[in-house]
Amino acid sequence: MDLSTIANTNNEGDSSFAGNSEKLTEPTVANIAADATITPQGNADDDTDYLRPWKLDNTIVGTATPTITNEFHSLTDFGWYGSAYRLSTCSSQFLFSKVYEQWRVKWVLITAVAILEIGSIVSASATNSPAFIVGRAIAGSGSAGILIGVFIAITHSVPPRWRPICNSTIGGLECIAMIVAPVIGGALTTYVTWRWNFWLNLPVGGVTITILIVLFKNSKNQKIAEAPILSKLKQLNILSLFIFTGSVVSLLLALEWGGTMYSWGSGRIIGLLVVAVVTFGIFITWEVVRKDRATIPSSVLFNRTAGLCIFGVMAQAIKGASAAESGAMLLPSIIGLSVAAITSGFIVSFFGYYTPLMVLGSIMMAIGFGFLTTFTPATGPPSWIGWQVLFGVGIGFAISQPWTAIQTVLSAEDIPVGLSAISFAISIGAALIISISQNIFTNLLRDGLSDIPSVDIDSIISHGATDLLKAIPSSQKDRVLGAYNWAVTRTFWACVAVALLGLLAALCIEWKSVKGPKKGVADETQPSSEKENYAV
């Protein structure tokens, strides 16, 4: 999260133009607090984390951030409050996938929850901004392990036919958390203290750990090699993961800072992009040399369905861009998304195939975002509610299917890495489309405002979307609103484009039933000894 994504279109234009200076103007604490009050759903960065574990922990922070910033007198650290969480989550996903390969799911999952709890304690008890940021980074690492662990546990414990129901239910519950968490966060911050946003994780996490210890049993399907600790540690590919982490962190920082805190032409941004490209090149070279011992083995990368799912889910992450308009007006899409996400699991379990919903969902997304390009200030509620429901249902149908596909087409030993790749693709896809959409919007808005006389463009930009009319002469309000609306609606064409890319990927995915192979046909996704050995 950076200073401009607090409300990404509620404050889409806020300090988003690079101009000629390298460091851009930062918003004031008062403006941040005002925006958080107006948009109780939280900030855009939090909403890009759909299908992330512990959505309650992540989105609950959005409404508390202005208060935290005021208490620590740390406006310059504001961007790190969300960035630390996201950076550690992205960079830890493949590490946890390798850990799950070497140790039992139950104990790794418990460890991940414990790490998130430790991070929550550090944040809740922080006496200064650096300590709070460290706590968020620790919590982010734990959250990465939780999501992957939950889906791996489902893979080993639930028969293939019923996995889609579990997968989609998780997605639906996180959509509900998107609605509930900001309300809880706002109430705790206003009536108690912001620290309870993090102390709240302790009883929740404690109950979770207790349930895992008492009720969850390690599946006999998970084959763990008996080897010394040092041998298992070597299998984690620490050096490769370290290089990959450097690439990811550099790319995400460039995407978050570029065009907001610093201009795209600044030395900092160019340096970060160069580091990201070089380190990623080194990582790819190392992966090729190690072949099947690589962090992401060729059996995953060159599996047609797995590769297309990784690409397709990056396109489906456009939900993160639309969620930048968080607020009451986005509620129809969130409700549609939640209902469709949960329903999709039952549909796949009944019919057996996940591909049709990926195709249908991508089509609905493209059409829904296409309709949004026709939005005007005079558009009535029936239209924008219907359009939101359309693309929300489309996202709900499509977003859970890659998890099911990975669990269906990959061999048991490759599933942890495949699931990690899907989670990583969601994170990176959301970051990319938000950055692209934000820059399209800001450039179009500047062009539109430049044609209007007697309008101070920088003043309008500094006020942001929520206070837009305050900086405009009454005689120019209609023209400025027209320019703003035009910039917003043109931006949705980027969402249409990536939805169509997702559709292309979905059309190329092989049709494989979660009900398993026909009688007499071997199941390629599981060893024969695991066929009917499910510990439910």
Protein backbone atom coordinates (compact mmCIF):
# COMPACT_ATOMS: atom_id res chain seq x y z
CA MET A 1 0.00 0.00 0.00
CA ASP A 2 1.27 3.45 -0.81
CA LEU A 3 0.06 6.94 -0.12
CA SER A 4 -2.08 7.14 -3.23
CA THR A 5 -3.91 3.84 -2.89
CA ILE A 6 -5.76 4.81 0.26
CA ALA A 7 -8.86 5.13 -1.87
CA ASN A 8 -8.01 4.21 -5.39
CA THR A 9 -10.60 5.89 -6.99
CA ASN A 10 -11.91 7.63 -3.92
CA ASN A 11 -8.53 9.33 -3.93
CA GLU A 12 -7.29 8.07 -7.27
CA GLY A 13 -5.75 11.32 -8.28
CA ASP A 14 -4.21 12.14 -4.91
CA SER A 15 -0.53 12.88 -5.47
CA SER A 16 -0.56 10.57 -8.46
CA PHE A 17 1.10 12.77 -11.05
CA ALA A 18 4.80 12.63 -11.37
CA GLY A 19 5.23 16.04 -12.93
CA ASN A 20 8.84 17.04 -13.18
CA SER A 21 9.80 16.40 -9.61
CA GLU A 22 11.06 13.13 -8.27
CA LYS A 23 9.39 13.22 -4.88
CA LEU A 24 5.67 13.92 -5.00
CA THR A 25 3.49 15.75 -2.54
CA GLU A 26 2.20 13.56 0.27
CA PRO A 27 -1.34 13.90 1.65
CA THR A 28 -1.94 15.31 5.09
CA VAL A 29 -3.10 13.31 8.06
CA ALA A 30 -6.32 15.26 8.04
CA ASN A 31 -7.05 14.30 4.43
CA ILE A 32 -6.23 10.67 5.12
CA ALA A 33 -8.55 10.58 8.10
CA ALA A 34 -11.29 12.24 6.10
CA ASP A 35 -10.99 9.73 3.30
CA ALA A 36 -11.04 6.82 5.74
CA THR A 37 -14.24 8.17 7.25
CA ILE A 38 -15.91 8.64 3.90
CA THR A 39 -14.89 5.20 2.63
CA PRO A 40 -15.37 2.79 5.53
CA GLN A 41 -14.66 -0.21 3.38
CA GLY A 42 -10.97 0.37 3.80
CA ASN A 43 -8.26 1.15 1.34
CA ALA A 44 -7.62 -0.17 -2.09
CA ASP A 45 -4.55 -2.08 -1.19
CA ASP A 46 -6.38 -4.14 1.36
CA ASP A 47 -9.08 -5.01 -1.16
CA THR A 48 -6.58 -6.36 -3.67
CA ASP A 49 -5.96 -9.26 -1.35
CA TYR A 50 -8.91 -11.37 -2.31
CA LEU A 51 -8.43 -15.03 -1.40
CA ARG A 52 -5.74 -14.11 1.07
CA PRO A 53 -5.81 -15.86 4.44
CA TRP A 54 -6.99 -14.00 7.49
CA LYS A 55 -8.81 -11.38 5.46
CA LEU A 56 -10.10 -10.05 8.76
CA ASP A 57 -6.55 -9.21 9.84
CA ASN A 58 -5.65 -7.50 6.58
CA THR A 59 -8.74 -5.40 5.79
CA ILE A 60 -9.45 -4.50 9.41
CA VAL A 61 -6.31 -2.34 9.38
CA GLY A 62 -7.55 0.06 6.70
CA THR A 63 -9.87 2.10 8.90
CA ALA A 64 -7.35 2.15 11.77
CA THR A 65 -4.40 3.43 9.75
CA PRO A 66 -5.10 7.20 10.07
CA THR A 67 -5.33 6.88 13.86
CA ILE A 68 -2.13 4.83 14.01
CA THR A 69 -0.34 7.41 11.89
CA ASN A 70 -1.48 10.21 14.19
CA GLU A 71 -0.38 8.40 17.34
CA PHE A 72 3.08 7.56 16.02
CA HIS A 73 3.48 10.93 14.22
CA SER A 74 4.72 8.93 11.26
CA LEU A 75 3.06 10.14 8.08
CA THR A 76 6.21 9.28 6.11
CA ASP A 77 5.88 5.63 7.20
CA PHE A 78 2.24 5.42 6.16
CA GLY A 79 2.91 3.47 2.99
CA TRP A 80 4.83 0.77 4.81
CA TYR A 81 1.89 -0.18 7.05
CA GLY A 82 0.31 -2.09 4.19
CA SER A 83 3.40 -2.69 2.05
CA ALA A 84 5.24 -4.61 4.78
CA TYR A 85 2.35 -7.07 5.01
CA ARG A 86 2.03 -7.57 1.27
CA LEU A 87 5.77 -7.79 0.57
CA SER A 88 6.32 -10.47 3.21
CA THR A 89 3.25 -12.40 2.05
CA CYS A 90 4.38 -12.48 -1.59
CA SER A 91 7.97 -13.34 -0.78
CA SER A 92 7.07 -16.15 1.65
CA GLN A 93 4.64 -18.14 -0.48
CA PHE A 94 7.10 -20.38 -2.33
CA LEU A 95 9.15 -20.89 0.84
CA PHE A 96 6.10 -22.28 2.59
CA SER A 97 5.30 -24.51 -0.38
CA LYS A 98 8.72 -26.17 0.00
CA VAL A 99 8.26 -26.45 3.78
CA TYR A 100 4.92 -28.21 3.26
CA GLU A 101 6.69 -30.71 1.00
CA GLN A 102 9.15 -31.63 3.73
CA TRP A 103 7.03 -31.61 6.88
CA ARG A 104 3.50 -32.59 7.90
CA VAL A 105 0.70 -30.18 6.97
CA LYS A 106 -0.75 -30.05 10.48
CA TRP A 107 2.37 -28.76 12.22
CA VAL A 108 3.43 -26.36 9.46
CA LEU A 109 -0.09 -24.88 9.41
CA ILE A 110 -0.04 -24.47 13.19
CA THR A 111 3.36 -22.79 12.90
CA ALA A 112 2.02 -20.39 10.27
CA VAL A 113 -0.89 -19.41 12.51
CA ALA A 114 1.55 -18.92 15.39
CA ILE A 115 3.71 -16.64 13.23
CA LEU A 116 0.69 -14.51 12.40
CA GLU A 117 -0.18 -14.37 16.09
CA ILE A 118 3.34 -13.20 16.95
CA GLY A 119 3.08 -10.50 14.31
CA SER A 120 -0.25 -9.38 15.75
CA ILE A 121 1.24 -9.16 19.25
CA VAL A 122 4.17 -7.08 17.98
CA SER A 123 1.83 -4.70 16.14
CA ALA A 124 -0.64 -4.43 19.02
CA SER A 125 2.07 -3.64 21.57
CA ALA A 126 4.17 -1.42 19.29
CA THR A 127 5.35 1.84 20.83
CA ASN A 128 6.65 3.32 17.59
CA SER A 129 6.18 3.07 13.84
CA PRO A 130 9.17 0.79 13.04
CA ALA A 131 7.97 -1.79 15.58
CA PHE A 132 4.48 -1.70 14.07
CA ILE A 133 5.89 -2.23 10.57
CA VAL A 134 7.94 -5.21 11.77
CA GLY A 135 4.80 -6.71 13.27
CA ARG A 136 2.93 -6.34 9.98
CA ALA A 137 5.79 -8.02 8.10
CA ILE A 138 5.79 -10.97 10.51
CA ALA A 139 2.01 -11.31 10.22
CA GLY A 140 2.25 -11.24 6.43
CA SER A 141 4.68 -14.15 6.43
CA GLY A 142 2.32 -16.18 8.59
CA SER A 143 -0.66 -15.40 6.36
CA ALA A 144 1.20 -16.78 3.32
CA GLY A 145 1.62 -20.12 5.05
CA ILE A 146 -1.99 -20.26 6.20
CA LEU A 147 -3.61 -19.94 2.78
CA ILE A 148 -1.36 -22.52 1.15
CA GLY A 149 -1.72 -24.82 4.16
CA VAL A 150 -5.50 -24.72 4.09
CA PHE A 151 -5.66 -25.73 0.43
CA ILE A 152 -3.00 -28.42 0.89
CA ALA A 153 -4.95 -29.82 3.85
CA ILE A 154 -8.06 -29.91 1.65
CA THR A 155 -6.08 -31.71 -1.06
CA HIS A 156 -4.89 -34.45 1.28
CA SER A 157 -8.05 -34.82 3.35
CA VAL A 158 -11.00 -34.36 0.99
CA PRO A 159 -11.88 -36.50 -2.05
CA PRO A 160 -11.45 -34.62 -5.36
CA ARG A 161 -15.18 -34.39 -6.03
CA TRP A 162 -15.83 -32.39 -2.85
CA ARG A 163 -12.78 -30.14 -2.96
CA PRO A 164 -14.48 -27.45 -5.07
CA ILE A 165 -17.07 -26.91 -2.33
CA CYS A 166 -14.33 -26.40 0.27
CA ASN A 167 -12.31 -24.13 -2.04
CA SER A 168 -15.25 -21.93 -2.98
CA THR A 169 -16.49 -21.71 0.60
CA ILE A 170 -13.12 -20.31 1.66
CA GLY A 171 -13.36 -17.70 -1.08
CA GLY A 172 -16.92 -16.81 -0.12
CA LEU A 173 -16.06 -16.40 3.54
CA GLU A 174 -13.22 -14.06 2.67
CA CYS A 175 -15.60 -11.96 0.59
CA ILE A 176 -17.83 -11.68 3.65
CA ALA A 177 -14.78 -10.65 5.66
CA MET A 178 -14.21 -7.84 3.15
CA ILE A 179 -17.53 -6.38 4.28
CA VAL A 180 -17.32 -7.14 8.00
CA ALA A 181 -13.67 -6.36 8.75
CA PRO A 182 -13.69 -2.59 8.02
CA VAL A 183 -16.81 -2.20 10.15
CA ILE A 184 -15.17 -4.03 13.05
CA GLY A 185 -11.95 -2.09 12.57
CA GLY A 186 -13.74 1.24 12.53
CA ALA A 187 -15.77 0.42 15.64
CA LEU A 188 -12.77 -0.78 17.64
CA THR A 189 -10.68 2.22 16.60
CA THR A 190 -13.44 4.71 17.42
CA TYR A 191 -14.82 3.27 20.65
CA VAL A 192 -11.92 1.31 22.15
CA THR A 193 -8.42 1.55 20.63
CA TRP A 194 -6.80 0.64 17.32
CA ARG A 195 -4.64 -1.89 19.17
CA TRP A 196 -7.63 -4.15 19.61
CA ASN A 197 -7.68 -4.64 15.85
CA PHE A 198 -4.60 -6.80 16.46
CA TRP A 199 -5.32 -8.16 19.95
CA LEU A 200 -8.50 -9.57 18.40
CA ASN A 201 -6.37 -12.04 16.45
CA LEU A 202 -5.16 -13.73 19.63
CA PRO A 203 -8.41 -15.44 20.73
CA VAL A 204 -9.30 -16.21 17.11
CA GLY A 205 -5.87 -17.69 16.45
CA GLY A 206 -5.86 -19.50 19.79
CA VAL A 207 -9.12 -21.25 18.97
CA THR A 208 -7.79 -22.12 15.51
CA ILE A 209 -4.60 -23.66 16.90
CA THR A 210 -6.60 -25.62 19.48
CA ILE A 211 -8.92 -27.02 16.81
CA LEU A 212 -5.97 -27.98 14.63
CA ILE A 213 -4.21 -29.76 17.48
CA VAL A 214 -7.27 -31.61 18.78
CA LEU A 215 -9.35 -32.33 15.68
CA PHE A 216 -7.13 -32.16 12.61
CA LYS A 217 -5.31 -35.38 11.81
CA ASN A 218 -2.43 -35.62 9.38
CA SER A 219 -3.56 -37.41 6.25
CA LYS A 220 -1.96 -40.71 5.38
CA ASN A 221 -1.93 -39.51 1.79
CA GLN A 222 0.89 -37.04 2.45
CA LYS A 223 4.14 -38.82 1.78
CA ILE A 224 6.99 -37.32 3.79
CA ALA A 225 10.53 -38.57 3.20
CA GLU A 226 12.41 -39.64 6.30
CA ALA A 227 15.59 -37.59 6.18
CA PRO A 228 17.85 -35.60 8.55
CA ILE A 229 16.90 -31.99 9.25
CA LEU A 230 19.90 -30.64 7.33
CA SER A 231 18.95 -32.67 4.28
CA LYS A 232 15.40 -31.29 4.39
CA LEU A 233 16.68 -27.74 4.77
CA LYS A 234 18.76 -28.16 1.60
CA GLN A 235 15.57 -29.09 -0.26
CA LEU A 236 14.09 -25.67 0.53
CA ASN A 237 16.29 -24.00 -2.12
CA ILE A 238 17.05 -21.09 0.21
CA LEU A 239 19.46 -19.37 -2.22
CA SER A 240 16.98 -19.53 -5.08
CA LEU A 241 14.18 -18.22 -2.87
CA PHE A 242 16.41 -15.40 -1.61
CA ILE A 243 17.07 -14.26 -5.20
CA PHE A 244 13.40 -14.56 -6.07
CA THR A 245 12.40 -12.56 -2.99
CA GLY A 246 14.73 -9.74 -4.01
CA SER A 247 13.10 -9.62 -7.44
CA VAL A 248 9.55 -9.62 -6.03
CA VAL A 249 10.24 -6.96 -3.41
CA SER A 250 11.91 -4.68 -5.97
CA LEU A 251 9.04 -5.05 -8.45
CA LEU A 252 6.32 -4.43 -5.86
CA LEU A 253 8.07 -1.38 -4.45
CA ALA A 254 8.47 0.04 -7.96
CA LEU A 255 4.77 -0.55 -8.70
CA GLU A 256 3.66 1.01 -5.42
CA TRP A 257 5.95 4.04 -5.53
CA GLY A 258 6.00 4.69 -9.28
CA GLY A 259 3.83 7.67 -10.23
CA THR A 260 2.75 8.21 -6.63
CA MET A 261 5.57 8.93 -4.21
CA TYR A 262 8.17 9.19 -7.00
CA SER A 263 7.98 9.82 -10.73
CA TRP A 264 8.43 6.86 -13.06
CA GLY A 265 11.59 8.46 -14.41
CA SER A 266 13.23 8.87 -10.99
CA GLY A 267 16.45 7.04 -10.17
CA ARG A 268 14.78 5.11 -7.37
CA ILE A 269 12.08 3.61 -9.56
CA ILE A 270 14.39 2.85 -12.47
CA GLY A 271 16.87 1.26 -10.07
CA LEU A 272 14.19 -0.93 -8.53
CA LEU A 273 12.96 -2.08 -11.93
CA VAL A 274 16.51 -2.89 -13.05
CA VAL A 275 17.13 -4.90 -9.88
CA ALA A 276 13.82 -6.72 -10.36
CA VAL A 277 14.64 -7.70 -13.96
CA VAL A 278 18.25 -8.73 -13.25
CA THR A 279 17.46 -10.81 -10.17
CA PHE A 280 14.51 -12.44 -11.92
CA GLY A 281 16.81 -13.36 -14.81
CA ILE A 282 19.27 -14.91 -12.35
CA PHE A 283 16.39 -16.81 -10.72
CA ILE A 284 15.19 -18.20 -14.08
CA THR A 285 18.73 -19.27 -14.97
CA TRP A 286 19.08 -21.04 -11.64
CA GLU A 287 15.72 -22.76 -12.13
CA VAL A 288 16.74 -24.05 -15.56
CA VAL A 289 20.00 -25.44 -14.19
CA ARG A 290 18.28 -27.25 -11.32
CA LYS A 291 15.47 -28.64 -13.53
CA ASP A 292 13.13 -30.82 -11.44
CA ARG A 293 14.93 -29.77 -8.24
CA ALA A 294 13.97 -26.17 -8.93
CA THR A 295 11.69 -24.09 -6.73
CA ILE A 296 9.01 -24.31 -9.43
CA PRO A 297 9.68 -27.64 -11.20
CA SER A 298 9.10 -28.03 -14.91
CA SER A 299 6.31 -30.52 -14.19
CA VAL A 300 4.31 -27.54 -12.87
CA LEU A 301 5.40 -24.82 -15.31
CA PHE A 302 4.88 -26.94 -18.42
CA ASN A 303 1.64 -28.53 -17.32
CA ARG A 304 -0.86 -26.93 -19.70
CA THR A 305 -3.65 -26.41 -17.18
CA ALA A 306 -1.34 -25.28 -14.36
CA GLY A 307 0.48 -22.78 -16.57
CA LEU A 308 -2.73 -21.35 -18.01
CA CYS A 309 -4.29 -21.13 -14.53
CA ILE A 310 -1.32 -19.11 -13.29
CA PHE A 311 -1.70 -16.76 -16.27
CA GLY A 312 -5.49 -16.66 -16.10
CA VAL A 313 -5.68 -15.93 -12.40
CA MET A 314 -3.46 -12.87 -12.90
CA ALA A 315 -6.14 -11.59 -15.26
CA GLN A 316 -8.92 -12.50 -12.85
CA ALA A 317 -7.12 -10.41 -10.22
CA ILE A 318 -8.68 -7.35 -11.91
CA LYS A 319 -11.10 -7.58 -9.02
CA GLY A 320 -8.41 -5.75 -7.10
CA ALA A 321 -8.63 -2.82 -9.50
CA SER A 322 -12.37 -2.53 -9.26
CA ALA A 323 -12.25 -2.88 -5.50
CA ALA A 324 -10.31 0.35 -5.45
CA GLU A 325 -13.71 2.07 -5.50
CA SER A 326 -14.46 0.53 -2.14
CA GLY A 327 -17.48 1.91 -0.36
CA ALA A 328 -21.18 1.36 -0.08
CA MET A 329 -21.63 1.60 -3.86
CA LEU A 330 -19.42 -1.46 -4.33
CA LEU A 331 -21.61 -3.63 -2.10
CA PRO A 332 -23.59 -5.20 -5.01
CA SER A 333 -20.43 -6.60 -6.59
CA ILE A 334 -19.15 -7.95 -3.26
CA ILE A 335 -22.47 -9.65 -2.52
CA GLY A 336 -22.64 -11.08 -6.05
CA LEU A 337 -19.05 -12.23 -5.76
CA SER A 338 -19.66 -13.93 -2.40
CA VAL A 339 -22.79 -15.77 -3.50
CA ALA A 340 -21.26 -16.86 -6.82
CA ALA A 341 -18.00 -17.99 -5.19
CA ILE A 342 -19.78 -20.28 -2.75
CA THR A 343 -22.30 -21.52 -5.33
CA SER A 344 -19.59 -22.32 -7.88
CA GLY A 345 -18.14 -25.04 -5.67
CA PHE A 346 -21.42 -26.94 -5.57
CA ILE A 347 -21.84 -26.54 -9.34
CA VAL A 348 -18.39 -27.97 -10.03
CA SER A 349 -18.88 -30.83 -7.58
CA PHE A 350 -22.21 -31.75 -9.24
CA PHE A 351 -21.14 -31.53 -12.90
CA GLY A 352 -17.47 -32.36 -12.37
CA TYR A 353 -15.88 -29.73 -14.62
CA TYR A 354 -14.37 -26.41 -13.55
CA THR A 355 -13.51 -25.12 -17.05
CA PRO A 356 -17.06 -23.95 -17.99
CA LEU A 357 -17.26 -21.66 -14.97
CA MET A 358 -13.86 -20.17 -15.77
CA VAL A 359 -15.06 -19.39 -19.29
CA LEU A 360 -18.47 -18.10 -18.17
CA GLY A 361 -16.96 -16.01 -15.39
CA SER A 362 -14.42 -14.39 -17.73
CA ILE A 363 -17.19 -13.52 -20.22
CA MET A 364 -19.33 -11.98 -17.47
CA MET A 365 -16.35 -9.96 -16.21
CA ALA A 366 -15.62 -8.59 -19.66
CA ILE A 367 -19.27 -7.66 -20.28
CA GLY A 368 -19.71 -6.15 -16.81
CA PHE A 369 -16.61 -3.97 -17.08
CA GLY A 370 -17.65 -3.10 -20.62
CA PHE A 371 -20.94 -1.73 -19.32
CA LEU A 372 -19.03 0.30 -16.71
CA THR A 373 -17.28 2.17 -19.52
CA THR A 374 -20.69 3.74 -20.31
CA PHE A 375 -21.12 5.13 -16.79
CA THR A 376 -22.02 8.83 -16.47
CA PRO A 377 -22.90 11.06 -13.49
CA ALA A 378 -26.54 10.66 -14.52
CA THR A 379 -26.46 6.85 -14.50
CA GLY A 380 -29.16 5.54 -12.14
CA PRO A 381 -28.83 2.86 -9.43
CA PRO A 382 -30.54 0.09 -11.48
CA SER A 383 -27.80 0.30 -14.10
CA TRP A 384 -24.69 0.49 -11.94
CA ILE A 385 -26.04 -2.07 -9.48
CA GLY A 386 -26.78 -4.48 -12.33
CA TRP A 387 -23.35 -3.98 -13.89
CA GLN A 388 -21.63 -4.58 -10.58
CA VAL A 389 -23.62 -7.73 -9.94
CA LEU A 390 -22.69 -8.95 -13.43
CA PHE A 391 -18.93 -8.61 -13.04
CA GLY A 392 -19.09 -9.60 -9.35
CA VAL A 393 -20.81 -12.89 -10.19
CA GLY A 394 -18.33 -13.41 -13.02
CA ILE A 395 -15.38 -13.00 -10.68
CA GLY A 396 -17.03 -15.29 -8.14
CA PHE A 397 -17.53 -18.04 -10.72
CA ALA A 398 -13.98 -17.84 -12.06
CA ILE A 399 -11.70 -16.99 -9.15
CA SER A 400 -11.97 -20.26 -7.19
CA GLN A 401 -11.52 -22.58 -10.16
CA PRO A 402 -7.71 -22.35 -10.54
CA TRP A 403 -7.31 -23.80 -7.02
CA THR A 404 -9.51 -26.73 -7.98
CA ALA A 405 -7.72 -27.18 -11.30
CA ILE A 406 -4.30 -27.32 -9.62
CA GLN A 407 -5.58 -29.92 -7.13
CA THR A 408 -6.98 -31.97 -10.00
CA VAL A 409 -4.28 -32.00 -12.68
CA LEU A 410 -1.02 -31.99 -10.72
CA SER A 411 0.59 -34.93 -8.97
CA ALA A 412 0.44 -34.90 -5.19
CA GLU A 413 4.08 -33.83 -4.79
CA ASP A 414 3.63 -30.83 -7.10
CA ILE A 415 0.40 -29.50 -5.62
CA PRO A 416 2.01 -27.31 -2.87
CA VAL A 417 4.14 -25.46 -5.44
CA GLY A 418 1.19 -25.16 -7.82
CA LEU A 419 -1.02 -23.66 -5.11
CA SER A 420 1.75 -21.24 -4.15
CA ALA A 421 2.07 -20.16 -7.78
CA ILE A 422 -1.68 -19.42 -7.94
CA SER A 423 -1.54 -17.37 -4.74
CA PHE A 424 1.50 -15.49 -5.99
CA ALA A 425 -0.16 -14.82 -9.36
CA ILE A 426 -3.18 -13.28 -7.62
CA SER A 427 -0.94 -10.95 -5.63
CA ILE A 428 1.24 -9.88 -8.55
CA GLY A 429 -1.71 -9.65 -10.94
CA ALA A 430 -3.57 -7.31 -8.60
CA ALA A 431 -0.48 -5.14 -8.08
CA LEU A 432 0.13 -4.89 -11.83
CA ILE A 433 -3.43 -4.02 -12.83
CA ILE A 434 -3.80 -1.45 -10.05
CA SER A 435 -0.58 0.25 -11.13
CA ILE A 436 -1.58 0.16 -14.80
CA SER A 437 -5.12 1.40 -14.12
CA GLN A 438 -3.92 4.16 -11.83
CA ASN A 439 -1.48 5.50 -14.40
CA ILE A 440 -4.03 5.32 -17.21
CA PHE A 441 -6.50 7.21 -15.04
CA THR A 442 -4.12 9.92 -13.91
CA ASN A 443 -2.78 10.59 -17.41
CA LEU A 444 -6.27 10.76 -18.92
CA LEU A 445 -7.50 13.03 -16.13
CA ARG A 446 -4.62 15.44 -16.59
CA ASP A 447 -5.27 15.55 -20.35
CA GLY A 448 -8.98 16.19 -19.80
CA LEU A 449 -8.45 18.94 -17.24
CA SER A 450 -5.84 20.70 -19.38
CA ASP A 451 -8.57 21.69 -21.87
CA ILE A 452 -10.61 23.49 -19.21
CA PRO A 453 -9.72 27.17 -18.63
CA SER A 454 -9.51 28.74 -15.16
CA VAL A 455 -8.96 25.37 -13.49
CA ASP A 456 -6.01 24.69 -11.20
CA ILE A 457 -5.15 21.10 -12.10
CA ASP A 458 -2.74 20.58 -9.20
CA SER A 459 -5.33 21.88 -6.75
CA ILE A 460 -7.94 19.45 -8.04
CA ILE A 461 -5.48 16.59 -7.86
CA SER A 462 -4.41 17.42 -4.32
CA HIS A 463 -8.02 17.41 -3.11
CA GLY A 464 -8.66 13.90 -4.39
CA ALA A 465 -11.96 12.45 -5.56
CA THR A 466 -13.91 12.85 -2.33
CA ASP A 467 -13.34 16.63 -2.17
CA LEU A 468 -13.24 17.15 -5.93
CA LEU A 469 -15.94 19.83 -6.17
CA LYS A 470 -14.42 21.98 -3.42
CA ALA A 471 -11.54 23.08 -5.65
CA ILE A 472 -13.62 23.86 -8.74
CA PRO A 473 -15.31 27.13 -9.71
CA SER A 474 -19.05 26.62 -9.95
CA SER A 475 -19.02 27.58 -13.62
CA GLN A 476 -16.64 24.71 -14.46
CA LYS A 477 -18.03 21.92 -12.30
CA ASP A 478 -19.89 20.13 -15.09
CA ARG A 479 -16.85 20.13 -17.38
CA VAL A 480 -14.51 18.92 -14.64
CA LEU A 481 -16.90 16.15 -13.64
CA GLY A 482 -17.14 15.18 -17.29
CA ALA A 483 -13.35 14.96 -17.57
CA TYR A 484 -13.16 12.94 -14.36
CA ASN A 485 -15.90 10.56 -15.49
CA TRP A 486 -14.23 10.13 -18.87
CA ALA A 487 -10.90 9.22 -17.24
CA VAL A 488 -12.55 6.71 -14.90
CA THR A 489 -14.62 4.99 -17.58
CA ARG A 490 -11.70 4.76 -20.05
CA THR A 491 -9.70 3.06 -17.32
CA PHE A 492 -12.23 0.23 -17.23
CA TRP A 493 -11.15 -0.75 -20.74
CA ALA A 494 -7.94 -2.06 -19.16
CA CYS A 495 -10.10 -4.33 -17.02
CA VAL A 496 -12.00 -5.48 -20.11
CA ALA A 497 -8.70 -6.30 -21.83
CA VAL A 498 -7.32 -8.44 -19.02
CA ALA A 499 -10.69 -10.17 -18.59
CA LEU A 500 -10.46 -11.19 -22.25
CA LEU A 501 -6.94 -12.47 -21.64
CA GLY A 502 -8.35 -14.56 -18.82
CA LEU A 503 -11.03 -15.85 -21.18
CA LEU A 504 -8.36 -16.87 -23.69
CA ALA A 505 -6.52 -18.82 -21.00
CA ALA A 506 -9.75 -20.48 -19.82
CA LEU A 507 -10.62 -21.60 -23.36
CA CYS A 508 -7.25 -23.36 -23.64
CA ILE A 509 -7.46 -25.23 -20.33
CA GLU A 510 -8.03 -28.98 -20.61
CA TRP A 511 -11.33 -30.42 -19.43
CA LYS A 512 -10.72 -32.76 -16.53
CA SER A 513 -13.39 -33.90 -14.14
CA VAL A 514 -13.00 -33.61 -10.37
CA LYS A 515 -15.09 -36.77 -10.10
CA GLY A 516 -12.04 -38.72 -11.13
CA PRO A 517 -11.28 -40.98 -14.08
CA LYS A 518 -13.78 -43.31 -15.59
CA LYS A 519 -13.85 -46.87 -14.37
CA GLY A 520 -10.72 -48.74 -15.37
CA VAL A 521 -8.71 -45.61 -16.08
CA ALA A 522 -5.82 -44.73 -13.78
CA ASP A 523 -5.92 -41.41 -11.97
CA GLU A 524 -2.85 -39.49 -13.10
CA THR A 525 -3.02 -36.93 -10.30
CA GLN A 526 -2.46 -39.36 -7.43
CA PRO A 527 -0.33 -42.39 -6.75
CA SER A 528 -2.35 -45.57 -6.86
CA SER A 529 -1.76 -46.22 -3.16
CA GLU A 530 -3.60 -42.98 -2.37
CA LYS A 531 -6.69 -43.63 -4.46
CA GLU A 532 -9.21 -44.22 -1.72
CA ASN A 533 -7.21 -43.23 1.29
CA TYR A 534 -8.82 -39.97 2.38
CA ALA A 535 -8.86 -38.91 6.00
CA VAL A 536 -11.94 -36.72 6.21
